Amino acid sequence: RVNVLPLGSAALAGTTFPIDRLWVARELGFRTISANSMDAVSDRDFVLEFLSAGAILMMHFSRLAEELVLWSGSEFDFVAIEDAFCTGSSIMPQKKNPDVAELIRGKTGRVYGNLMAALTLMKGLPLTYNRDLQEDKEPVFDTVDTLLSSTRLLARMFPRIVFKAQVMKKATAQGHLLATDLADYLVGKGLDFRNAHRIVGEIVAYALKNEKELLQIPLALLQQYSPVFDQDVFPWLDLETALARRNTPGGTAPGQVRQALKKMERKLCRPDYPF
C-alpha cells in the first residue's frame, strides 16, 4: 500500500517533462505509480494507517501489561517478575514495582496521542500540499521508537516471568467458577437454558449465603432445586474436566491450546512472515 512511486507528481498537478514513470518505478523497485498527482502530494493515509496500527498494537501490549501488574500484586500472586524488570519503592522496603509493565501501559497513551495529533493535523487541510504536513514526522518517529522499545522489553521480560500454576489453580476453587457448567449439565438433562440458568442462580445464592462452594453442596440439596440432578453432576464441577469439554477450535481445552501454539510457532518460523 505504500510501495507506490509519487515521482512525477511535481508540486500538485504533475510534471511537464515526458518521463516514463512506470520505467522509473520498475528501476527503483516500486510496485506501481501513484494514480493521482494531487492525492500523491497531499495524502498522508499511509501515516494515519501506520499510527492506527501502532495504537492498536500498543493497546494489546497495554492489556497484557495490565494483566501482569494485577497478577504480580499480593491480591493475586499469580506471577513473579524478575527483579531486572522491577524497582523497589522509594519509601516502602517490601514493595516491588512492575515498572516495565507499568511504563508500557503508560506509553500506550503516548501512541494514542500521536494518532490523534496526525488526524487533527489532516482534518482541515485543503488540497494539496500545506506546510502543516511537516508536523507528520515527529508522531511517526516517536511511535516507531515506542513500538520498538516496548516490543523488545516485552520479549526480554516474558521468559523471565514465573507463572505460579498452583496458586492459579487454587484460585479456581473459589468464586463458583463452574456455575455455567452446572447450567450446561441441566441442559444436557433436557432443561431449557432459561430454567437451567434460574436454577443454578438459586443454587449459587444459597452457596453465597452459606459460604460454600458448589462442590460442597450435597446431591440431596441439589435435587431440591431440580430432580434431574444425579451423581454424575460432580464431574461437571471438576476444573480439568470442564476445560476438556471446551474442545472446539479456539477453545481452552489443553489439546486445542497446544494446537494453537504449534500453529503460531509454524507461522513465526516462516521466513516470509510479516513481522
Protein backbone atom coordinates (compact mmCIF):
# COMPACT_ATOMS: atom_id res chain seq x y z
CA ARG A 1 0.00 0.00 0.00
CA VAL A 2 2.94 2.37 0.44
CA ASN A 3 5.22 0.90 -2.23
CA VAL A 4 3.92 3.44 -4.76
CA LEU A 5 6.09 5.87 -6.72
CA PRO A 6 4.95 9.52 -6.35
CA LEU A 7 7.76 10.91 -8.53
CA GLY A 8 6.26 12.79 -11.45
CA SER A 9 3.51 14.37 -9.40
CA ALA A 10 5.57 17.55 -9.04
CA ALA A 11 4.07 20.17 -6.71
CA LEU A 12 0.43 19.18 -7.32
CA ALA A 13 -0.58 18.89 -10.96
CA GLY A 14 2.06 16.58 -12.40
CA THR A 15 5.31 17.25 -14.25
CA THR A 16 5.51 18.79 -17.72
CA PHE A 17 8.54 16.64 -18.60
CA PRO A 18 7.78 13.47 -20.61
CA ILE A 19 9.23 11.00 -18.14
CA ASP A 20 8.38 7.29 -18.17
CA ARG A 21 7.01 6.92 -14.66
CA LEU A 22 6.45 3.17 -14.94
CA TRP A 23 10.05 2.61 -16.03
CA VAL A 24 11.32 4.70 -13.12
CA ALA A 25 9.09 2.73 -10.75
CA ARG A 26 10.49 -0.57 -12.00
CA GLU A 27 14.08 0.65 -11.77
CA LEU A 28 13.59 1.89 -8.21
CA GLY A 29 11.68 -1.20 -7.06
CA PHE A 30 8.23 0.33 -6.65
CA ARG A 31 5.19 -1.85 -7.25
CA THR A 32 3.31 0.82 -9.18
CA ILE A 33 2.91 4.58 -9.62
CA SER A 34 0.52 6.97 -7.90
CA ALA A 35 -2.73 7.33 -9.82
CA ASN A 36 -3.41 10.97 -8.96
CA SER A 37 -0.79 13.68 -8.57
CA MET A 38 -2.84 15.83 -6.19
CA ASP A 39 -3.50 12.84 -3.98
CA ALA A 40 0.17 11.80 -4.06
CA VAL A 41 1.25 15.23 -2.81
CA SER A 42 -1.41 15.76 -0.14
CA ASP A 43 -2.21 12.23 1.03
CA ARG A 44 -0.98 11.02 4.42
CA ASP A 45 -3.20 7.96 4.72
CA PHE A 46 -0.11 5.78 4.99
CA VAL A 47 0.94 7.77 8.06
CA LEU A 48 -2.52 7.51 9.62
CA GLU A 49 -2.73 3.77 8.89
CA PHE A 50 0.67 3.14 10.47
CA LEU A 51 -0.18 5.20 13.54
CA SER A 52 -3.53 3.43 13.81
CA ALA A 53 -1.89 0.01 13.60
CA GLY A 54 0.68 1.14 16.16
CA ALA A 55 -2.05 2.35 18.52
CA ILE A 56 -3.88 -0.97 18.21
CA LEU A 57 -0.68 -2.92 18.89
CA MET A 58 0.08 -0.79 21.94
CA MET A 59 -3.48 -1.32 23.16
CA HIS A 60 -2.83 -5.08 23.16
CA PHE A 61 0.55 -4.55 24.86
CA SER A 62 -1.18 -2.40 27.47
CA ARG A 63 -3.83 -5.01 28.22
CA LEU A 64 -1.12 -7.63 28.59
CA ALA A 65 0.88 -5.30 30.84
CA GLU A 66 -2.19 -4.64 32.98
CA GLU A 67 -2.65 -8.37 33.50
CA LEU A 68 0.94 -8.63 34.70
CA VAL A 69 0.54 -5.65 37.04
CA LEU A 70 -2.59 -7.20 38.56
CA TRP A 71 -1.26 -10.74 38.67
CA SER A 72 2.02 -9.72 40.32
CA GLY A 73 0.21 -7.98 43.19
CA SER A 74 -0.27 -9.72 46.53
CA GLU A 75 -4.03 -9.88 45.95
CA PHE A 76 -3.48 -12.36 43.09
CA ASP A 77 0.17 -13.51 43.36
CA PHE A 78 -0.16 -15.39 40.08
CA VAL A 79 3.23 -14.34 38.66
CA ALA A 80 6.69 -13.33 39.80
CA ILE A 81 8.54 -10.89 37.53
CA GLU A 82 12.34 -10.92 37.58
CA ASP A 83 13.90 -8.07 39.56
CA ALA A 84 15.63 -6.70 36.45
CA PHE A 85 12.23 -5.54 35.19
CA CYS A 86 11.05 -4.12 38.50
CA THR A 87 12.14 -1.49 41.00
CA GLY A 88 11.71 -1.00 44.71
CA SER A 89 9.59 1.64 46.34
CA SER A 90 11.18 4.94 47.36
CA ILE A 91 9.64 4.56 50.83
CA MET A 92 8.27 1.02 51.33
CA PRO A 93 11.13 -1.51 51.65
CA GLN A 94 8.91 -4.52 50.95
CA LYS A 95 7.39 -3.20 47.75
CA LYS A 96 8.32 -4.46 44.28
CA ASN A 97 7.01 -2.33 41.41
CA PRO A 98 6.46 -3.96 37.98
CA ASP A 99 7.93 -0.90 36.29
CA VAL A 100 8.35 -2.20 32.75
CA ALA A 101 4.74 -3.37 32.58
CA GLU A 102 3.51 -0.06 34.03
CA LEU A 103 5.63 2.01 31.65
CA ILE A 104 4.42 0.07 28.59
CA ARG A 105 0.87 0.62 29.80
CA GLY A 106 1.62 4.33 30.12
CA LYS A 107 3.38 4.60 26.74
CA THR A 108 0.17 3.44 25.09
CA GLY A 109 -1.38 6.84 25.79
CA ARG A 110 1.58 8.46 24.04
CA VAL A 111 0.99 6.45 20.87
CA TYR A 112 -2.75 7.17 21.02
CA GLY A 113 -1.82 10.85 21.24
CA ASN A 114 0.37 10.58 18.15
CA LEU A 115 -2.53 9.14 16.16
CA MET A 116 -4.90 11.86 17.35
CA ALA A 117 -2.29 14.54 16.58
CA ALA A 118 -1.96 13.30 12.99
CA LEU A 119 -5.73 13.01 12.49
CA THR A 120 -6.22 16.52 13.84
CA LEU A 121 -3.39 17.79 11.64
CA MET A 122 -5.09 16.42 8.50
CA LYS A 123 -8.71 17.22 9.19
CA GLY A 124 -8.80 20.83 7.91
CA LEU A 125 -6.18 20.88 5.16
CA PRO A 126 -7.25 21.92 1.65
CA LEU A 127 -5.65 20.29 -1.38
CA THR A 128 -2.83 19.91 -1.95
CA TYR A 129 0.40 20.28 -0.01
CA ASN A 130 0.42 22.53 3.05
CA ARG A 131 3.31 23.38 5.30
CA ASP A 132 1.34 21.88 8.19
CA LEU A 133 2.36 18.48 6.85
CA GLN A 134 5.89 18.86 8.11
CA GLU A 135 4.37 18.06 11.52
CA ASP A 136 3.65 14.48 10.45
CA LYS A 137 7.24 13.36 11.06
CA GLU A 138 7.50 13.60 14.84
CA PRO A 139 4.43 11.42 15.61
CA VAL A 140 5.68 8.73 13.22
CA PHE A 141 9.27 8.65 14.52
CA ASP A 142 8.12 8.72 18.14
CA THR A 143 5.66 5.87 17.52
CA VAL A 144 8.36 3.80 15.82
CA ASP A 145 10.72 4.28 18.77
CA THR A 146 7.98 3.46 21.29
CA LEU A 147 6.85 0.32 19.45
CA LEU A 148 10.39 -1.00 19.09
CA SER A 149 11.36 -0.40 22.72
CA SER A 150 8.07 -1.84 24.05
CA THR A 151 8.32 -4.93 21.85
CA ARG A 152 11.94 -5.58 22.80
CA LEU A 153 11.27 -5.15 26.52
CA LEU A 154 8.27 -7.48 26.46
CA ALA A 155 10.27 -10.08 24.52
CA ARG A 156 13.04 -9.93 27.13
CA MET A 157 10.74 -9.89 30.13
CA PHE A 158 8.41 -12.76 29.30
CA PRO A 159 10.94 -15.60 29.50
CA ARG A 160 11.81 -14.27 32.97
CA ILE A 161 8.30 -14.40 34.38
CA VAL A 162 7.41 -17.28 36.71
CA PHE A 163 3.76 -18.30 36.44
CA LYS A 164 2.58 -19.80 39.73
CA ALA A 165 0.36 -22.59 38.44
CA GLN A 166 -0.60 -23.95 41.84
CA VAL A 167 -1.67 -20.53 43.11
CA MET A 168 -3.77 -20.07 39.99
CA LYS A 169 -5.33 -23.50 40.37
CA LYS A 170 -6.18 -22.82 44.00
CA ALA A 171 -7.93 -19.60 42.97
CA THR A 172 -10.21 -21.52 40.60
CA ALA A 173 -11.69 -23.41 43.54
CA GLN A 174 -13.31 -20.21 44.78
CA GLY A 175 -15.99 -17.98 43.33
CA HIS A 176 -18.30 -20.60 41.76
CA LEU A 177 -16.30 -20.56 38.54
CA LEU A 178 -18.10 -23.60 37.12
CA ALA A 179 -21.67 -22.38 37.63
CA THR A 180 -22.13 -22.16 33.84
CA ASP A 181 -21.04 -25.78 33.54
CA LEU A 182 -23.67 -26.68 36.09
CA ALA A 183 -26.29 -24.99 33.91
CA ASP A 184 -24.92 -26.84 30.87
CA TYR A 185 -25.33 -30.11 32.80
CA LEU A 186 -29.03 -29.33 33.31
CA VAL A 187 -29.45 -28.52 29.63
CA GLY A 188 -27.90 -31.89 28.83
CA LYS A 189 -30.60 -33.44 31.02
CA GLY A 190 -33.31 -31.84 28.91
CA LEU A 191 -33.97 -28.49 30.60
CA ASP A 192 -34.06 -25.31 28.55
CA PHE A 193 -31.23 -22.91 29.33
CA ARG A 194 -33.55 -20.23 30.72
CA ASN A 195 -34.70 -22.51 33.53
CA ALA A 196 -31.25 -24.02 33.97
CA HIS A 197 -29.84 -20.52 34.42
CA ARG A 198 -32.50 -19.69 37.03
CA ILE A 199 -31.96 -22.90 38.98
CA VAL A 200 -28.19 -22.51 39.12
CA GLY A 201 -28.61 -18.87 40.13
CA GLU A 202 -30.67 -20.00 43.10
CA ILE A 203 -28.04 -22.60 43.99
CA VAL A 204 -25.27 -20.00 43.83
CA ALA A 205 -27.34 -17.67 46.03
CA TYR A 206 -27.62 -20.47 48.60
CA ALA A 207 -23.88 -21.15 48.36
CA LEU A 208 -23.02 -17.49 48.90
CA LYS A 209 -25.35 -17.20 51.86
CA ASN A 210 -23.91 -20.30 53.48
CA GLU A 211 -20.28 -19.67 52.46
CA LYS A 212 -19.99 -22.87 50.45
CA GLU A 213 -18.52 -23.77 47.09
CA LEU A 214 -20.62 -25.68 44.56
CA LEU A 215 -18.70 -28.92 45.13
CA GLN A 216 -19.55 -28.73 48.83
CA ILE A 217 -23.30 -28.86 48.23
CA PRO A 218 -24.63 -32.44 48.71
CA LEU A 219 -26.62 -34.15 46.00
CA ALA A 220 -29.78 -34.29 48.14
CA LEU A 221 -29.78 -30.50 48.41
CA LEU A 222 -29.14 -30.04 44.67
CA GLN A 223 -32.13 -32.27 43.97
CA GLN A 224 -34.33 -29.90 45.96
CA TYR A 225 -33.67 -27.32 43.26
CA SER A 226 -34.15 -29.79 40.39
CA PRO A 227 -34.90 -33.52 40.48
CA VAL A 228 -32.78 -34.13 37.36
CA PHE A 229 -29.57 -33.76 39.35
CA ASP A 230 -27.82 -37.11 39.77
CA GLN A 231 -24.49 -38.45 40.96
CA ASP A 232 -22.96 -37.73 37.55
CA VAL A 233 -23.16 -33.99 38.24
CA PHE A 234 -19.96 -33.83 40.28
CA PRO A 235 -17.50 -34.46 37.40
CA TRP A 236 -19.04 -31.35 35.81
CA LEU A 237 -17.68 -29.38 38.76
CA ASP A 238 -14.10 -30.54 38.18
CA LEU A 239 -11.81 -27.93 36.58
CA GLU A 240 -9.80 -30.28 34.35
CA THR A 241 -12.98 -31.91 33.07
CA ALA A 242 -14.53 -28.51 32.44
CA LEU A 243 -11.52 -27.44 30.40
CA ALA A 244 -11.51 -30.67 28.40
CA ARG A 245 -15.16 -30.11 27.42
CA ARG A 246 -14.24 -26.84 25.68
CA ASN A 247 -12.69 -28.84 22.88
CA THR A 248 -13.60 -26.73 19.86
CA PRO A 249 -11.19 -24.76 17.63
CA GLY A 250 -10.22 -21.67 19.58
CA GLY A 251 -11.36 -23.23 22.85
CA THR A 252 -9.41 -23.62 26.07
CA ALA A 253 -9.11 -27.41 26.14
CA PRO A 254 -5.42 -28.29 26.61
CA GLY A 255 -5.31 -30.04 23.25
CA GLN A 256 -6.74 -27.01 21.47
CA VAL A 257 -4.28 -24.70 23.21
CA ARG A 258 -1.34 -26.89 22.20
CA GLN A 259 -2.60 -26.98 18.62
CA ALA A 260 -2.94 -23.19 18.53
CA LEU A 261 0.59 -22.77 19.90
CA LYS A 262 2.04 -25.11 17.26
CA LYS A 263 0.18 -23.23 14.53
CA MET A 264 1.60 -19.90 15.69
CA GLU A 265 5.10 -21.34 16.05
CA ARG A 266 4.94 -22.55 12.44
CA LYS A 267 3.90 -19.07 11.32
CA LEU A 268 6.72 -17.41 13.24
CA CYS A 269 9.27 -19.78 11.70
CA ARG A 270 8.28 -18.81 8.16
CA PRO A 271 10.94 -16.56 6.59
CA ASP A 272 8.23 -14.55 4.81
CA TYR A 273 6.12 -13.98 7.95
CA PRO A 274 5.13 -10.27 8.07
CA PHE A 275 6.55 -9.11 11.40
